[in-house]
Structures are given as structure tokens and as C-alpha cells.
Protein backbone atom coordinates (compact mmCIF):
# COMPACT_ATOMS: atom_id res chain seq x y z
CA MET A 1 -27.41 -18.34 3.66
CA LYS A 2 -24.64 -15.77 3.23
CA SER A 3 -25.56 -12.22 2.43
CA GLU A 4 -24.00 -10.56 -0.60
CA SER A 5 -21.79 -8.36 1.60
CA THR A 6 -20.15 -11.28 3.41
CA LYS A 7 -19.18 -13.28 0.33
CA LEU A 8 -15.52 -13.12 -0.62
CA ARG A 9 -14.97 -11.17 -3.79
CA ASP A 10 -12.51 -12.49 -6.32
CA PHE A 11 -10.16 -9.77 -7.61
CA SER A 12 -8.55 -11.97 -10.30
CA GLY A 13 -7.09 -9.86 -13.09
CA GLN A 14 -7.36 -6.64 -11.08
CA THR A 15 -4.47 -4.61 -9.75
CA ILE A 16 -4.31 -3.28 -6.20
CA TYR A 17 -1.94 -0.37 -5.55
CA VAL A 18 -0.61 0.12 -2.02
CA GLY A 19 1.29 3.20 -0.85
CA MET A 20 3.05 2.93 2.49
CA ASP A 21 4.56 5.54 4.75
CA VAL A 22 6.81 3.38 6.92
CA HIS A 23 8.12 4.17 10.37
CA HIS A 24 9.70 2.21 13.17
CA LYS A 25 6.47 1.87 15.19
CA SER A 26 3.71 2.02 12.58
CA TRP A 27 2.87 2.06 8.88
CA LYS A 28 0.24 4.29 7.29
CA ILE A 29 -1.25 2.55 4.26
CA HIS A 30 -3.47 3.67 1.35
CA ILE A 31 -4.99 1.13 -1.01
CA TYR A 32 -6.30 1.90 -4.51
CA SER A 33 -7.71 -0.08 -7.40
CA ASP A 34 -7.63 1.13 -11.00
CA GLU A 35 -10.88 3.00 -10.36
CA PHE A 36 -11.28 3.71 -6.65
CA GLU A 37 -9.57 4.58 -3.42
CA LEU A 38 -10.40 1.46 -1.43
CA LYS A 39 -8.98 1.77 2.07
CA SER A 40 -6.78 3.76 4.41
CA LEU A 41 -5.38 2.10 7.51
CA SER A 42 -2.58 2.05 10.04
CA GLN A 43 -0.81 -1.01 11.34
CA GLU A 44 2.32 -2.08 13.15
CA PRO A 45 5.35 -2.66 10.89
CA ASP A 46 4.69 -6.26 9.86
CA VAL A 47 4.99 -7.55 6.29
CA ASN A 48 3.04 -10.74 7.03
CA ARG A 49 0.13 -8.85 8.54
CA LEU A 50 -0.18 -6.53 5.53
CA TYR A 51 0.18 -9.43 3.09
CA ASN A 52 -2.52 -11.41 4.93
CA TYR A 53 -4.80 -8.37 4.94
CA LEU A 54 -4.40 -7.88 1.19
CA ASP A 55 -4.87 -11.59 0.51
CA SER A 56 -8.04 -11.81 2.59
CA HIS A 57 -9.67 -8.58 1.32
CA TYR A 58 -8.45 -8.53 -2.32
CA LYS A 59 -8.14 -12.23 -3.13
CA ASN A 60 -6.17 -13.15 -6.26
CA ALA A 61 -5.37 -9.53 -7.19
CA ASN A 62 -2.02 -8.36 -8.51
CA TYR A 63 -0.44 -6.26 -5.78
CA HIS A 64 1.89 -3.32 -6.42
CA LEU A 65 3.36 -1.73 -3.30
CA ALA A 66 5.72 1.19 -2.80
CA TYR A 67 7.30 3.16 0.01
CA GLU A 68 9.88 5.94 0.20
CA ALA A 69 13.51 5.10 0.81
CA GLY A 70 14.64 5.97 4.27
CA PHE A 71 15.78 4.53 7.55
CA SER A 72 14.11 1.16 6.92
CA GLY A 73 16.28 0.35 3.94
CA PHE A 74 15.22 -2.52 1.70
CA TRP A 75 14.11 -5.25 4.13
CA ILE A 76 10.41 -4.54 3.45
CA GLN A 77 10.93 -4.75 -0.31
CA ARG A 78 12.87 -8.01 0.04
CA ALA A 79 10.24 -9.55 2.32
CA PHE A 80 7.44 -8.78 -0.16
CA ALA A 81 9.57 -9.98 -3.09
CA ALA A 82 10.04 -13.31 -1.27
CA LYS A 83 6.23 -13.59 -1.23
CA GLY A 84 6.06 -12.85 -4.97
CA VAL A 85 4.71 -9.32 -4.48
CA ASN A 86 5.95 -6.37 -6.54
CA CYS A 87 7.26 -3.78 -4.06
CA LYS A 88 9.22 -0.70 -5.08
CA VAL A 89 11.36 1.64 -3.02
CA ALA A 90 10.92 5.21 -4.28
CA HIS A 91 13.38 8.04 -3.94
CA PRO A 92 11.50 10.73 -1.95
CA ALA A 93 12.38 13.42 -4.49
CA ASP A 94 10.76 11.34 -7.26
CA VAL A 95 7.32 11.36 -5.61
CA PRO A 96 5.41 14.39 -6.93
CA THR A 97 4.03 16.67 -4.24
CA SER A 98 1.53 19.49 -4.71
CA ASN A 99 1.68 22.76 -2.76
CA ILE A 100 -1.31 21.69 -0.68
CA GLU A 101 0.37 18.37 0.19
CA GLN A 102 3.49 20.24 1.31
CA LEU A 103 1.42 22.46 3.59
CA ARG A 104 -0.59 19.55 5.03
CA LYS A 105 2.25 17.05 5.28
CA SER A 106 1.38 13.95 7.28
CA ASP A 107 1.91 10.21 7.10
CA ALA A 108 -1.56 9.80 5.56
CA VAL A 109 -0.82 12.37 2.85
CA ASP A 110 2.53 10.70 2.10
CA SER A 111 1.08 7.19 1.79
CA LYS A 112 -1.74 8.47 -0.42
CA LYS A 113 0.59 10.25 -2.86
CA ILE A 114 2.87 7.18 -3.03
CA ALA A 115 -0.13 4.99 -3.88
CA ARG A 116 -1.33 7.48 -6.53
CA ARG A 117 2.14 7.44 -8.06
CA LEU A 118 1.73 3.70 -8.71
CA LEU A 119 -1.47 4.18 -10.75
């Protein structure tokens, strides 16, 4: 008998928002739903790994991802688009930043504000 916590939850009809701060060696990721901040994690730069994580934890959801334009160009966006996932590349100046976020700048802060921008 499976406990309630181990059953897979179906996220059909729900939207999952993912903000990514991408670097050559790692990605910092924040995941939100319409109502909650769900998860914060770090991983190596791998589109398939992130896609598989989202698919296994938020089954059947609509995914919206974003990251800031930079050194990585558009390969991440193209890879997610090939999987049918909406992924946007944001101009860094278009991502609103509060004074506190400017003072406490980090990859985690950047990924969180990118994810919030998608809401």
C-alpha cells in the first residue's frame, strides 16, 4: 500500500514557472506554481536532466521557463523548444530588481526574480 506522500501527483491544467540562472558549470533553479514557491535547486547544465526532473515531479503541468541572455546564447531555449516547452530568454535589463536584491546579488536571487517575472 502506497502512502499518500509517495503517490505521483497529477499537475494537469497547472502551470509551473521555472527561473534559471545559467552558468558554464551549474544552473541555479527556482520553481513556482501559481500559488507557491515549490523548489530551489542547483544542477549541472543539462536540459534533459531538468526536463526529466520537471516531468517526474510536476507530471502533466504546463512549463514556462526563462533565463537571462548571456554567454550561453540560445541553445538552452532551442533545446527546450524541441521538447515542446515554453522557454524565454530575457534581456537582463528587463528583469526588475529591488534595492535589496541588488545588495544581496547571487545566483539564487537571480533565478528567483526571473521565476517571479514569469508569474
